[in-house]
C-alpha atoms as a PDB file:
ATOM      1  CA  UNK A   1      -0.082  -0.047  -0.026  1.00  0.00           C
ATOM      2  CA  UNK A   2       1.414   3.302  -1.122  1.00  0.00           C
ATOM      3  CA  UNK A   3       1.162   6.607   0.646  1.00  0.00           C
ATOM      4  CA  UNK A   4      -1.606   7.648  -1.695  1.00  0.00           C
ATOM      5  CA  UNK A   5      -3.711   4.652  -0.764  1.00  0.00           C
ATOM      6  CA  UNK A   6      -3.260   5.232   2.782  1.00  0.00           C
ATOM      7  CA  UNK A   7      -4.590   8.678   2.495  1.00  0.00           C
ATOM      8  CA  UNK A   8      -7.595   8.058   0.300  1.00  0.00           C
ATOM      9  CA  UNK A   9     -10.980   6.560   0.814  1.00  0.00           C
ATOM     10  CA  UNK A  10     -13.488   4.843  -1.471  1.00  0.00           C
ATOM     11  CA  UNK A  11     -16.951   6.064  -0.502  1.00  0.00           C
ATOM     12  CA  UNK A  12     -20.536   5.655  -1.885  1.00  0.00           C
ATOM     13  CA  UNK A  13     -23.105   8.338  -1.695  1.00  0.00           C
ATOM     14  CA  UNK A  14     -26.895   8.133  -1.850  1.00  0.00           C
ATOM     15  CA  UNK A  15     -27.569  11.813  -2.681  1.00  0.00           C
ATOM     16  CA  UNK A  16     -31.233  11.889  -1.857  1.00  0.00           C
ATOM     17  CA  UNK A  17     -33.784  14.666  -2.012  1.00  0.00           C
ATOM     18  CA  UNK A  18     -34.670  14.273   1.670  1.00  0.00           C
ATOM     19  CA  UNK A  19     -31.490  12.670   2.948  1.00  0.00           C
ATOM     20  CA  UNK A  20     -27.888  12.140   2.204  1.00  0.00           C
ATOM     21  CA  UNK A  21     -26.266   8.915   3.175  1.00  0.00           C
ATOM     22  CA  UNK A  22     -22.588   8.285   2.902  1.00  0.00           C
ATOM     23  CA  UNK A  23     -21.031   4.759   3.162  1.00  0.00           C
ATOM     24  CA  UNK A  24     -17.106   4.474   3.718  1.00  0.00           C
ATOM     25  CA  UNK A  25     -15.416   1.385   2.392  1.00  0.00           C
ATOM     26  CA  UNK A  26     -14.782  -1.119   5.193  1.00  0.00           C
ATOM     27  CA  UNK A  27     -16.679   1.020   7.657  1.00  0.00           C
ATOM     28  CA  UNK A  28     -20.375   0.936   6.418  1.00  0.00           C
ATOM     29  CA  UNK A  29     -22.828   4.014   6.700  1.00  0.00           C
ATOM     30  CA  UNK A  30     -21.134   6.623   8.553  1.00  0.00           C
ATOM     31  CA  UNK A  31     -23.571   9.489   7.756  1.00  0.00           C
ATOM     32  CA  UNK A  32     -27.255   9.752   7.410  1.00  0.00           C
ATOM     33  CA  UNK A  33     -28.517  13.415   7.528  1.00  0.00           C
ATOM     34  CA  UNK A  34     -31.160  15.536   5.866  1.00  0.00           C
ATOM     35  CA  UNK A  35     -30.112  17.120   2.491  1.00  0.00           C
ATOM     36  CA  UNK A  36     -30.557  20.599   3.841  1.00  0.00           C
ATOM     37  CA  UNK A  37     -28.214  23.535   3.898  1.00  0.00           C
ATOM     38  CA  UNK A  38     -28.527  26.868   5.689  1.00  0.00           C
ATOM     39  CA  UNK A  39     -26.060  29.566   4.244  1.00  0.00           C
ATOM     40  CA  UNK A  40     -25.559  33.335   4.526  1.00  0.00           C
ATOM     41  CA  UNK A  41     -27.539  35.097   1.673  1.00  0.00           C
ATOM     42  CA  UNK A  42     -24.675  37.753   1.142  1.00  0.00           C
ATOM     43  CA  UNK A  43     -21.505  35.616   1.466  1.00  0.00           C
ATOM     44  CA  UNK A  44     -22.974  32.301   0.357  1.00  0.00           C
ATOM     45  CA  UNK A  45     -21.068  30.740   3.164  1.00  0.00           C
ATOM     46  CA  UNK A  46     -22.552  27.547   4.552  1.00  0.00           C
ATOM     47  CA  UNK A  47     -23.703  28.117   8.138  1.00  0.00           C
ATOM     48  CA  UNK A  48     -25.111  24.672   9.005  1.00  0.00           C
ATOM     49  CA  UNK A  49     -26.182  21.561   7.004  1.00  0.00           C
ATOM     50  CA  UNK A  50     -27.987  18.291   7.833  1.00  0.00           C
ATOM     51  CA  UNK A  51     -29.832  17.984  11.114  1.00  0.00           C
ATOM     52  CA  UNK A  52     -28.669  21.480  12.124  1.00  0.00           C
ATOM     53  CA  UNK A  53     -29.926  23.173   9.257  1.00  0.00           C
ATOM     54  CA  UNK A  54     -33.252  21.219   9.470  1.00  0.00           C
ATOM     55  CA  UNK A  55     -33.739  22.508  12.929  1.00  0.00           C
ATOM     56  CA  UNK A  56     -33.526  26.088  11.358  1.00  0.00           C
ATOM     57  CA  UNK A  57     -35.985  25.258   8.475  1.00  0.00           C
ATOM     58  CA  UNK A  58     -39.021  27.752   8.572  1.00  0.00           C
ATOM     59  CA  UNK A  59     -37.558  29.744  11.517  1.00  0.00           C
ATOM     60  CA  UNK A  60     -34.653  31.590   9.800  1.00  0.00           C
ATOM     61  CA  UNK A  61     -34.284  35.500   9.488  1.00  0.00           C
ATOM     62  CA  UNK A  62     -33.793  37.375   6.354  1.00  0.00           C
ATOM     63  CA  UNK A  63     -29.892  37.185   6.290  1.00  0.00           C
ATOM     64  CA  UNK A  64     -29.981  33.340   6.502  1.00  0.00           C
ATOM     65  CA  UNK A  65     -31.441  31.070   3.623  1.00  0.00           C
ATOM     66  CA  UNK A  66     -32.264  27.416   4.409  1.00  0.00           C
ATOM     67  CA  UNK A  67     -32.517  25.307   1.170  1.00  0.00           C
ATOM     68  CA  UNK A  68     -32.593  21.801  -0.139  1.00  0.00           C
ATOM     69  CA  UNK A  69     -30.137  21.870  -3.113  1.00  0.00           C
ATOM     70  CA  UNK A  70     -31.690  18.523  -4.441  1.00  0.00           C
ATOM     71  CA  UNK A  71     -35.088  18.551  -5.932  1.00  0.00           C
ATOM     72  CA  UNK A  72     -36.724  15.728  -7.536  1.00  0.00           C
ATOM     73  CA  UNK A  73     -33.821  13.403  -7.020  1.00  0.00           C
ATOM     74  CA  UNK A  74     -31.309  15.699  -8.849  1.00  0.00           C
ATOM     75  CA  UNK A  75     -29.185  18.765  -8.276  1.00  0.00           C
ATOM     76  CA  UNK A  76     -31.344  21.915  -8.425  1.00  0.00           C
ATOM     77  CA  UNK A  77     -28.588  24.339  -6.950  1.00  0.00           C
ATOM     78  CA  UNK A  78     -25.330  23.325  -8.297  1.00  0.00           C
ATOM     79  CA  UNK A  79     -23.096  25.596  -6.106  1.00  0.00           C
ATOM     80  CA  UNK A  80     -24.962  24.747  -2.721  1.00  0.00           C
ATOM     81  CA  UNK A  81     -25.067  20.960  -3.596  1.00  0.00           C
ATOM     82  CA  UNK A  82     -21.346  20.944  -4.310  1.00  0.00           C
ATOM     83  CA  UNK A  83     -20.768  22.684  -1.060  1.00  0.00           C
ATOM     84  CA  UNK A  84     -23.081  20.101   0.808  1.00  0.00           C
ATOM     85  CA  UNK A  85     -21.307  17.193  -0.718  1.00  0.00           C
ATOM     86  CA  UNK A  86     -17.843  18.593   0.061  1.00  0.00           C
ATOM     87  CA  UNK A  87     -18.888  19.335   3.705  1.00  0.00           C
ATOM     88  CA  UNK A  88     -20.430  15.858   4.278  1.00  0.00           C
ATOM     89  CA  UNK A  89     -17.420  14.057   2.740  1.00  0.00           C
ATOM     90  CA  UNK A  90     -15.105  16.171   4.849  1.00  0.00           C
ATOM     91  CA  UNK A  91     -17.014  15.267   7.895  1.00  0.00           C
ATOM     92  CA  UNK A  92     -16.850  11.358   7.533  1.00  0.00           C
ATOM     93  CA  UNK A  93     -13.377  11.051   6.069  1.00  0.00           C
ATOM     94  CA  UNK A  94     -11.489  11.801   9.293  1.00  0.00           C
ATOM     95  CA  UNK A  95      -7.916  12.271   8.179  1.00  0.00           C
ATOM     96  CA  UNK A  96      -8.212  11.029   4.560  1.00  0.00           C
ATOM     97  CA  UNK A  97      -7.026  13.658   2.029  1.00  0.00           C
ATOM     98  CA  UNK A  98      -8.881  12.682  -0.953  1.00  0.00           C
ATOM     99  CA  UNK A  99     -11.608  10.210  -2.096  1.00  0.00           C
ATOM    100  CA  UNK A 100     -10.081   8.033  -4.730  1.00  0.00           C
ATOM    101  CA  UNK A 101     -13.244   6.253  -6.003  1.00  0.00           C
ATOM    102  CA  UNK A 102     -16.885   7.259  -5.526  1.00  0.00           C
ATOM    103  CA  UNK A 103     -20.090   5.660  -6.383  1.00  0.00           C
ATOM    104  CA  UNK A 104     -23.108   8.040  -6.442  1.00  0.00           C
ATOM    105  CA  UNK A 105     -26.741   6.597  -6.592  1.00  0.00           C
ATOM    106  CA  UNK A 106     -28.994   8.742  -8.926  1.00  0.00           C
ATOM    107  CA  UNK A 107     -32.670   8.305 -10.156  1.00  0.00           C
ATOM    108  CA  UNK A 108     -32.971   5.952 -13.188  1.00  0.00           C
ATOM    109  CA  UNK A 109     -34.587   8.699 -15.226  1.00  0.00           C
ATOM    110  CA  UNK A 110     -31.833  11.271 -15.038  1.00  0.00           C
ATOM    111  CA  UNK A 111     -30.742  13.280 -18.216  1.00  0.00           C
ATOM    112  CA  UNK A 112     -27.207  13.434 -19.466  1.00  0.00           C
ATOM    113  CA  UNK A 113     -27.008  16.994 -18.118  1.00  0.00           C
ATOM    114  CA  UNK A 114     -28.137  15.959 -14.746  1.00  0.00           C
ATOM    115  CA  UNK A 115     -25.401  12.931 -14.690  1.00  0.00           C
ATOM    116  CA  UNK A 116     -22.861  15.609 -15.684  1.00  0.00           C
ATOM    117  CA  UNK A 117     -23.730  17.828 -12.702  1.00  0.00           C
ATOM    118  CA  UNK A 118     -23.590  14.915 -10.282  1.00  0.00           C
ATOM    119  CA  UNK A 119     -20.109  13.870 -11.592  1.00  0.00           C
ATOM    120  CA  UNK A 120     -18.776  17.412 -11.622  1.00  0.00           C
ATOM    121  CA  UNK A 121     -19.946  17.955  -7.918  1.00  0.00           C
ATOM    122  CA  UNK A 122     -18.281  14.846  -6.747  1.00  0.00           C
ATOM    123  CA  UNK A 123     -15.149  15.698  -8.749  1.00  0.00           C
ATOM    124  CA  UNK A 124     -15.022  19.132  -7.341  1.00  0.00           C
ATOM    125  CA  UNK A 125     -15.522  17.776  -3.754  1.00  0.00           C
ATOM    126  CA  UNK A 126     -12.231  15.677  -4.387  1.00  0.00           C
ATOM    127  CA  UNK A 127     -13.130  12.350  -6.016  1.00  0.00           C
ATOM    128  CA  UNK A 128     -10.673  10.904  -8.444  1.00  0.00           C
ATOM    129  CA  UNK A 129     -13.012   8.439 -10.133  1.00  0.00           C
ATOM    130  CA  UNK A 130     -16.875   8.876 -10.079  1.00  0.00           C
ATOM    131  CA  UNK A 131     -19.292   6.014 -10.885  1.00  0.00           C
ATOM    132  CA  UNK A 132     -22.959   6.428 -11.089  1.00  0.00           C
ATOM    133  CA  UNK A 133     -25.540   3.664 -10.319  1.00  0.00           C
ATOM    134  CA  UNK A 134     -29.365   3.760 -10.690  1.00  0.00           C
ATOM    135  CA  UNK A 135     -31.166   4.020  -7.292  1.00  0.00           C
ATOM    136  CA  UNK A 136     -33.352   0.949  -7.904  1.00  0.00           C
ATOM    137  CA  UNK A 137     -30.372  -1.245  -8.804  1.00  0.00           C
ATOM    138  CA  UNK A 138     -28.491   0.029  -5.875  1.00  0.00           C
ATOM    139  CA  UNK A 139     -31.633  -0.684  -3.644  1.00  0.00           C
ATOM    140  CA  UNK A 140     -31.937  -4.350  -5.130  1.00  0.00           C
ATOM    141  CA  UNK A 141     -28.200  -5.004  -4.148  1.00  0.00           C
ATOM    142  CA  UNK A 142     -28.761  -3.304  -0.818  1.00  0.00           C
ATOM    143  CA  UNK A 143     -31.589  -5.737   0.189  1.00  0.00           C
ATOM    144  CA  UNK A 144     -29.564  -8.749  -0.850  1.00  0.00           C
ATOM    145  CA  UNK A 145     -31.035  -9.666  -4.261  1.00  0.00           C
ATOM    146  CA  UNK A 146     -28.703 -11.456  -6.634  1.00  0.00           C
ATOM    147  CA  UNK A 147     -28.996  -8.798  -9.614  1.00  0.00           C
ATOM    148  CA  UNK A 148     -26.634 -10.883 -11.776  1.00  0.00           C
ATOM    149  CA  UNK A 149     -29.166 -13.889 -11.839  1.00  0.00           C
ATOM    150  CA  UNK A 150     -31.158 -14.553 -14.864  1.00  0.00           C
ATOM    151  CA  UNK A 151     -34.373 -13.985 -12.882  1.00  0.00           C
ATOM    152  CA  UNK A 152     -36.791 -10.941 -12.831  1.00  0.00           C
ATOM    153  CA  UNK A 153     -37.055  -8.824  -9.723  1.00  0.00           C
ATOM    154  CA  UNK A 154     -39.301  -5.808  -9.213  1.00  0.00           C
ATOM    155  CA  UNK A 155     -38.101  -2.844  -7.090  1.00  0.00           C
ATOM    156  CA  UNK A 156     -40.196   0.135  -6.091  1.00  0.00           C
ATOM    157  CA  UNK A 157     -37.999   2.780  -4.452  1.00  0.00           C
ATOM    158  CA  UNK A 158     -40.070   5.684  -3.163  1.00  0.00           C
ATOM    159  CA  UNK A 159     -37.717   8.561  -2.001  1.00  0.00           C
ATOM    160  CA  UNK A 160     -38.309  12.216  -1.309  1.00  0.00           C
ATOM    161  CA  UNK A 161     -38.357  13.513  -4.858  1.00  0.00           C
ATOM    162  CA  UNK A 162     -38.736  10.387  -7.076  1.00  0.00           C
ATOM    163  CA  UNK A 163     -40.420   7.015  -7.258  1.00  0.00           C
ATOM    164  CA  UNK A 164     -38.378   4.652  -9.109  1.00  0.00           C
ATOM    165  CA  UNK A 165     -39.945   1.418 -10.362  1.00  0.00           C
ATOM    166  CA  UNK A 166     -37.596  -1.027 -12.160  1.00  0.00           C
ATOM    167  CA  UNK A 167     -37.529  -4.585 -13.359  1.00  0.00           C
ATOM    168  CA  UNK A 168     -34.080  -6.003 -12.856  1.00  0.00           C
ATOM    169  CA  UNK A 169     -32.437  -9.071 -14.356  1.00  0.00           C
ATOM    170  CA  UNK A 170     -28.871 -10.168 -15.501  1.00  0.00           C
ATOM    171  CA  UNK A 171     -27.039  -7.136 -14.035  1.00  0.00           C
ATOM    172  CA  UNK A 172     -29.508  -4.630 -15.813  1.00  0.00           C
ATOM    173  CA  UNK A 173     -32.617  -2.797 -15.707  1.00  0.00           C
ATOM    174  CA  UNK A 174     -35.039  -4.496 -18.161  1.00  0.00           C
ATOM    175  CA  UNK A 175     -37.967  -1.926 -17.658  1.00  0.00           C
ATOM    176  CA  UNK A 176     -38.104   1.137 -15.665  1.00  0.00           C
ATOM    177  CA  UNK A 177     -40.261   4.067 -14.741  1.00  0.00           C
ATOM    178  CA  UNK A 178     -39.134   7.201 -12.942  1.00  0.00           C
ATOM    179  CA  UNK A 179     -41.750   9.675 -11.605  1.00  0.00           C
ATOM    180  CA  UNK A 180     -41.439  12.829  -9.705  1.00  0.00           C
ATOM    181  CA  UNK A 181     -44.159  11.973  -7.370  1.00  0.00           C
ATOM    182  CA  UNK A 182     -42.825  10.747  -3.942  1.00  0.00           C
ATOM    183  CA  UNK A 183     -42.484  12.065  -0.308  1.00  0.00           C
ATOM    184  CA  UNK A 184     -42.226  15.761  -1.139  1.00  0.00           C
ATOM    185  CA  UNK A 185     -45.269  15.708  -3.303  1.00  0.00           C
ATOM    186  CA  UNK A 186     -47.325  14.050  -0.456  1.00  0.00           C
ATOM    187  CA  UNK A 187     -46.050  16.681   2.065  1.00  0.00           C
ATOM    188  CA  UNK A 188     -47.227  19.344  -0.526  1.00  0.00           C
ATOM    189  CA  UNK A 189     -50.604  17.652  -0.993  1.00  0.00           C
ATOM    190  CA  UNK A 190     -51.156  17.711   2.962  1.00  0.00           C
ATOM    191  CA  UNK A 191     -50.119  21.472   3.073  1.00  0.00           C
ATOM    192  CA  UNK A 192     -52.567  22.229   0.204  1.00  0.00           C
ATOM    193  CA  UNK A 193     -55.352  20.286   2.001  1.00  0.00           C
ATOM    194  CA  UNK A 194     -55.050  22.500   5.113  1.00  0.00           C
ATOM    195  CA  UNK A 195     -55.076  25.691   2.989  1.00  0.00           C
ATOM    196  CA  UNK A 196     -58.239  24.497   1.159  1.00  0.00           C
ATOM    197  CA  UNK A 197     -60.221  22.737   3.812  1.00  0.00           C
ATOM    198  CA  UNK A 198     -59.165  24.533   7.150  1.00  0.00           C
ATOM    199  CA  UNK A 199     -57.755  27.906   5.923  1.00  0.00           C
ATOM    200  CA  UNK A 200     -54.581  27.148   7.828  1.00  0.00           C
ATOM    201  CA  UNK A 201     -51.069  27.500   6.583  1.00  0.00           C
ATOM    202  CA  UNK A 202     -48.591  24.785   7.786  1.00  0.00           C
ATOM    203  CA  UNK A 203     -44.923  24.369   7.236  1.00  0.00           C
ATOM    204  CA  UNK A 204     -43.138  21.505   5.248  1.00  0.00           C
ATOM    205  CA  UNK A 205     -41.827  20.030   8.441  1.00  0.00           C
ATOM    206  CA  UNK A 206     -45.225  19.840  10.003  1.00  0.00           C
ATOM    207  CA  UNK A 207     -46.798  18.166   6.964  1.00  0.00           C
ATOM    208  CA  UNK A 208     -44.058  15.550   6.977  1.00  0.00           C
ATOM    209  CA  UNK A 209     -44.708  14.863  10.619  1.00  0.00           C
ATOM    210  CA  UNK A 210     -48.483  14.672  10.028  1.00  0.00           C
ATOM    211  CA  UNK A 211     -47.791  12.105   7.192  1.00  0.00           C
ATOM    212  CA  UNK A 212     -45.561   9.937   9.213  1.00  0.00           C
ATOM    213  CA  UNK A 213     -47.870  10.007  12.146  1.00  0.00           C
ATOM    214  CA  UNK A 214     -51.317   9.514  10.546  1.00  0.00           C
ATOM    215  CA  UNK A 215     -50.755   9.204   6.871  1.00  0.00           C
ATOM    216  CA  UNK A 216     -52.092   5.899   5.200  1.00  0.00           C
ATOM    217  CA  UNK A 217     -52.779   4.411   1.801  1.00  0.00           C
ATOM    218  CA  UNK A 218     -55.718   2.165   3.130  1.00  0.00           C
ATOM    219  CA  UNK A 219     -58.256   2.601   5.995  1.00  0.00           C
ATOM    220  CA  UNK A 220     -56.775   1.921   9.344  1.00  0.00           C
ATOM    221  CA  UNK A 221     -58.118  -0.483  11.945  1.00  0.00           C
ATOM    222  CA  UNK A 222     -58.589   2.421  14.303  1.00  0.00           C
ATOM    223  CA  UNK A 223     -58.670   5.787  12.611  1.00  0.00           C
ATOM    224  CA  UNK A 224     -56.648   8.485  14.632  1.00  0.00           C
ATOM    225  CA  UNK A 225     -57.517  12.235  15.182  1.00  0.00           C
ATOM    226  CA  UNK A 226     -54.611  14.727  15.870  1.00  0.00           C
ATOM    227  CA  UNK A 227     -54.314  18.350  16.657  1.00  0.00           C
ATOM    228  CA  UNK A 228     -52.367  20.567  14.101  1.00  0.00           C
ATOM    229  CA  UNK A 229     -50.961  23.959  14.703  1.00  0.00           C
ATOM    230  CA  UNK A 230     -50.618  26.443  12.014  1.00  0.00           C
ATOM    231  CA  UNK A 231     -51.264  29.976  10.826  1.00  0.00           C
ATOM    232  CA  UNK A 232     -54.886  31.280  10.034  1.00  0.00           C
ATOM    233  CA  UNK A 233     -55.004  32.395   6.641  1.00  0.00           C
ATOM    234  CA  UNK A 234     -57.854  34.980   7.235  1.00  0.00           C
ATOM    235  CA  UNK A 235     -56.852  36.297  10.605  1.00  0.00           C
ATOM    236  CA  UNK A 236     -53.084  35.713  10.320  1.00  0.00           C
ATOM    237  CA  UNK A 237     -52.927  34.521  13.899  1.00  0.00           C
ATOM    238  CA  UNK A 238     -51.712  30.990  15.222  1.00  0.00           C
ATOM    239  CA  UNK A 239     -54.569  28.466  15.291  1.00  0.00           C
ATOM    240  CA  UNK A 240     -54.964  24.770  16.243  1.00  0.00           C
ATOM    241  CA  UNK A 241     -57.402  22.603  14.341  1.00  0.00           C
ATOM    242  CA  UNK A 242     -58.263  18.829  14.565  1.00  0.00           C
ATOM    243  CA  UNK A 243     -57.932  16.410  11.736  1.00  0.00           C
ATOM    244  CA  UNK A 244     -58.682  12.741  11.309  1.00  0.00           C
ATOM    245  CA  UNK A 245     -56.348  10.077   9.457  1.00  0.00           C
ATOM    246  CA  UNK A 246     -59.392   9.682   7.147  1.00  0.00           C
ATOM    247  CA  UNK A 247     -58.917  13.312   5.862  1.00  0.00           C
ATOM    248  CA  UNK A 248     -55.174  12.901   5.489  1.00  0.00           C
ATOM    249  CA  UNK A 249     -55.527   9.600   3.470  1.00  0.00           C
ATOM    250  CA  UNK A 250     -57.955  11.607   1.246  1.00  0.00           C
ATOM    251  CA  UNK A 251     -55.255  14.176   0.721  1.00  0.00           C
ATOM    252  CA  UNK A 252     -52.711  11.769  -0.052  1.00  0.00           C
ATOM    253  CA  UNK A 253     -54.833   9.528  -2.387  1.00  0.00           C
ATOM    254  CA  UNK A 254     -54.035  11.206  -5.642  1.00  0.00           C
ATOM    255  CA  UNK A 255     -50.121  10.845  -5.035  1.00  0.00           C
ATOM    256  CA  UNK A 256     -50.696   7.228  -4.121  1.00  0.00           C
ATOM    257  CA  UNK A 257     -52.862   6.542  -7.047  1.00  0.00           C
ATOM    258  CA  UNK A 258     -50.260   7.859  -9.485  1.00  0.00           C
ATOM    259  CA  UNK A 259     -47.735   5.598  -8.021  1.00  0.00           C
ATOM    260  CA  UNK A 260     -49.824   2.687  -8.139  1.00  0.00           C
ATOM    261  CA  UNK A 261     -50.890   3.451 -11.723  1.00  0.00           C
ATOM    262  CA  UNK A 262     -47.097   3.714 -12.765  1.00  0.00           C
ATOM    263  CA  UNK A 263     -46.346   0.250 -11.099  1.00  0.00           C
ATOM    264  CA  UNK A 264     -49.225  -1.259 -13.434  1.00  0.00           C
ATOM    265  CA  UNK A 265     -47.830   0.407 -16.463  1.00  0.00           C
ATOM    266  CA  UNK A 266     -44.421  -1.020 -15.820  1.00  0.00           C
ATOM    267  CA  UNK A 267     -45.888  -4.420 -15.245  1.00  0.00           C
ATOM    268  CA  UNK A 268     -47.746  -4.222 -18.579  1.00  0.00           C
ATOM    269  CA  UNK A 269     -44.600  -3.592 -20.474  1.00  0.00           C
ATOM    270  CA  UNK A 270     -42.614  -6.456 -18.660  1.00  0.00           C
ATOM    271  CA  UNK A 271     -41.790  -9.458 -20.865  1.00  0.00           C
ATOM    272  CA  UNK A 272     -43.777 -12.556 -19.689  1.00  0.00           C
ATOM    273  CA  UNK A 273     -40.977 -14.616 -18.283  1.00  0.00           C
ATOM    274  CA  UNK A 274     -39.944 -11.987 -16.110  1.00  0.00           C
ATOM    275  CA  UNK A 275     -43.635 -11.402 -15.055  1.00  0.00           C
ATOM    276  CA  UNK A 276     -43.743 -14.992 -14.053  1.00  0.00           C
ATOM    277  CA  UNK A 277     -40.687 -14.392 -11.874  1.00  0.00           C
ATOM    278  CA  UNK A 278     -42.264 -11.316 -10.222  1.00  0.00           C
ATOM    279  CA  UNK A 279     -45.545 -13.321  -9.496  1.00  0.00           C
ATOM    280  CA  UNK A 280     -43.297 -16.008  -7.618  1.00  0.00           C
ATOM    281  CA  UNK A 281     -41.042 -13.598  -5.888  1.00  0.00           C
ATOM    282  CA  UNK A 282     -43.191 -10.529  -5.415  1.00  0.00           C
ATOM    283  CA  UNK A 283     -42.370  -6.847  -5.301  1.00  0.00           C
ATOM    284  CA  UNK A 284     -39.940  -5.227  -3.063  1.00  0.00           C
ATOM    285  CA  UNK A 285     -40.576  -1.821  -1.606  1.00  0.00           C
ATOM    286  CA  UNK A 286     -37.675   0.536  -0.430  1.00  0.00           C
ATOM    287  CA  UNK A 287     -37.112   3.948   0.289  1.00  0.00           C
ATOM    288  CA  UNK A 288     -38.778   6.189   3.010  1.00  0.00           C
ATOM    289  CA  UNK A 289     -42.063   6.168   1.360  1.00  0.00           C
ATOM    290  CA  UNK A 290     -42.184   2.326   1.838  1.00  0.00           C
ATOM    291  CA  UNK A 291     -43.030   3.139   5.532  1.00  0.00           C
ATOM    292  CA  UNK A 292     -46.249   4.779   4.663  1.00  0.00           C
ATOM    293  CA  UNK A 293     -48.980   2.881   6.457  1.00  0.00           C
ATOM    294  CA  UNK A 294     -50.624   0.358   4.294  1.00  0.00           C
ATOM    295  CA  UNK A 295     -49.031   1.209   0.933  1.00  0.00           C
ATOM    296  CA  UNK A 296     -47.802  -2.456   0.503  1.00  0.00           C
ATOM    297  CA  UNK A 297     -51.407  -3.508   1.134  1.00  0.00           C
ATOM    298  CA  UNK A 298     -52.797  -1.075  -1.452  1.00  0.00           C
ATOM    299  CA  UNK A 299     -50.144  -2.010  -4.092  1.00  0.00           C
ATOM    300  CA  UNK A 300     -51.052  -5.757  -3.353  1.00  0.00           C
ATOM    301  CA  UNK A 301     -54.761  -5.068  -3.729  1.00  0.00           C
ATOM    302  CA  UNK A 302     -54.368  -3.218  -7.055  1.00  0.00           C
ATOM    303  CA  UNK A 303     -51.788  -5.682  -8.701  1.00  0.00           C
ATOM    304  CA  UNK A 304     -52.721  -8.911  -7.178  1.00  0.00           C
ATOM    305  CA  UNK A 305     -48.888  -9.521  -6.575  1.00  0.00           C
ATOM    306  CA  UNK A 306     -47.078 -10.349  -3.287  1.00  0.00           C
ATOM    307  CA  UNK A 307     -45.527  -7.083  -1.879  1.00  0.00           C
ATOM    308  CA  UNK A 308     -42.766  -7.027   0.642  1.00  0.00           C
ATOM    309  CA  UNK A 309     -41.358  -4.026   2.508  1.00  0.00           C
ATOM    310  CA  UNK A 310     -37.591  -4.228   2.692  1.00  0.00           C
ATOM    311  CA  UNK A 311     -35.701  -4.419   6.073  1.00  0.00           C
ATOM    312  CA  UNK A 312     -34.573  -0.984   6.901  1.00  0.00           C
ATOM    313  CA  UNK A 313     -35.912   0.500   3.518  1.00  0.00           C
ATOM    314  CA  UNK A 314     -34.389   3.964   4.176  1.00  0.00           C
ATOM    315  CA  UNK A 315     -30.754   2.768   3.842  1.00  0.00           C
ATOM    316  CA  UNK A 316     -31.296   0.024   1.088  1.00  0.00           C
ATOM    317  CA  UNK A 317     -29.819   2.494  -1.741  1.00  0.00           C
ATOM    318  CA  UNK A 318     -26.850   3.461   0.502  1.00  0.00           C
ATOM    319  CA  UNK A 319     -26.146  -0.180   1.374  1.00  0.00           C
ATOM    320  CA  UNK A 320     -26.351  -1.309  -2.248  1.00  0.00           C
ATOM    321  CA  UNK A 321     -23.959   1.505  -3.223  1.00  0.00           C
ATOM    322  CA  UNK A 322     -21.728   0.485  -0.477  1.00  0.00           C
ATOM    323  CA  UNK A 323     -21.579  -3.062  -1.758  1.00  0.00           C
ATOM    324  CA  UNK A 324     -20.713  -1.878  -5.157  1.00  0.00           C
ATOM    325  CA  UNK A 325     -17.634   0.278  -3.848  1.00  0.00           C
ATOM    326  CA  UNK A 326     -16.456  -2.810  -1.775  1.00  0.00           C
ATOM    327  CA  UNK A 327     -16.587  -4.998  -4.921  1.00  0.00           C
ATOM    328  CA  UNK A 328     -16.213  -2.530  -7.978  1.00  0.00           C
ATOM    329  CA  UNK A 329     -15.058  -5.242 -10.351  1.00  0.00           C
ATOM    330  CA  UNK A 330     -17.811  -7.738  -9.473  1.00  0.00           C
ATOM    331  CA  UNK A 331     -20.447  -4.968  -9.998  1.00  0.00           C
ATOM    332  CA  UNK A 332     -18.943  -3.004 -12.903  1.00  0.00           C
ATOM    333  CA  UNK A 333     -21.820  -4.235 -15.217  1.00  0.00           C
ATOM    334  CA  UNK A 334     -24.531  -2.603 -13.033  1.00  0.00           C
ATOM    335  CA  UNK A 335     -23.010   1.009 -13.284  1.00  0.00           C
ATOM    336  CA  UNK A 336     -24.440   3.611 -15.624  1.00  0.00           C
ATOM    337  CA  UNK A 337     -22.100   3.873 -18.591  1.00  0.00           C
ATOM    338  CA  UNK A 338     -20.656   7.051 -19.776  1.00  0.00           C
ATOM    339  CA  UNK A 339     -22.374   8.083 -23.048  1.00  0.00           C
ATOM    340  CA  UNK A 340     -20.102   9.387 -25.726  1.00  0.00           C
ATOM    341  CA  UNK A 341     -21.563  11.465 -28.576  1.00  0.00           C
END
C-alpha cells in the first residue's frame, strides 16, 4: 500500500432529495442526514447543514437562507449542492486527504446533463474517479437480491423527490419508470389540504410529521385524530385545528394513485418470463415512502402481487452503493455507462 492509498478513501453516496447517506469502504454507513443547507445570503457561506440546518427550517431570519439543493432526485442548486457534498465528505473522512473512488446513486430517469452535474460535483469535492448507479439497482443490491441472476425482480423505491420502479435481471434494468411523485409531493398535498379545507397555513416539517404519524394508503383499523397548529389564513394569527387520518388519507390519495398506476404500467411492459418471476418472488418496496402505513397492502390489492417491505428501507440504496464500492469489479456491469457522442 502506497502513501496515496493510505490517505484516500473509497466512498458511496446516496444523494437523496430528503436525506444524504454516505458509506465508507470497510466502515459501512457513517452519515445519514437531511439534504438541507443553511447559508448566509450575502457571502453564500454555509452556516449549517444536515440536522442542524433542518432545525432552522421555517425559523430563519432574512440574512439566512435554508434550502434543499436537491429537487426531484437531482441537483437543483449546483453551487450549494457541491458545498454540501464537500462538507459531508469532509465530515466523514476523518484524516483522509482525498476520495479516490466514489459511487453515487442517482434516479434511473436522469438526463445526461443531470448526470454530468452529479459527476462534476463529486469531482470538485475531491473524487478522483466517479461512478453512477441507478437507485433501484442499488436498492436491489442493498436488500440482498442477486442482480446478476437470470431472474426478474421488481423494485419500487419511493424517496423524497422520485419514485423509481424497475424490473431487474442479468445485471441490468429491463424496464423502468421514474416519476417525480414521492414523499415531497405527499407533503405538498397535505399542506394544500390544510389551506383549502381548514384555511390554515402549515410548514413542510409539520406536513412531513403529519404524514408519518397518521398518513395511510388504506383505511386503518382504528382511525386517529390529531391536533395541528398553523397560521390562520384569514386572521393571520396562530390557530389549532383537529384532523382525522381519514382526511389525510384523502389528501394523499392522488399521489398514491399515480404511484400505483405507474407500477401497473411497468408491469404491462414487462416480458412474460419476467412477469412470471415477479409473480413468484413478489415486489420489493424500498425508500422512506415504503414506510407509509398500508402502502404495501394498497399495491397488493391493485396488482394481485405479493408485496414485501425491505428491512430498513431508508438505507437500502446506500447499502447497495456500499456493496458496489466494496466490490467494484464484480458490480462493474450494473454501473451507468458514460455516453459518448
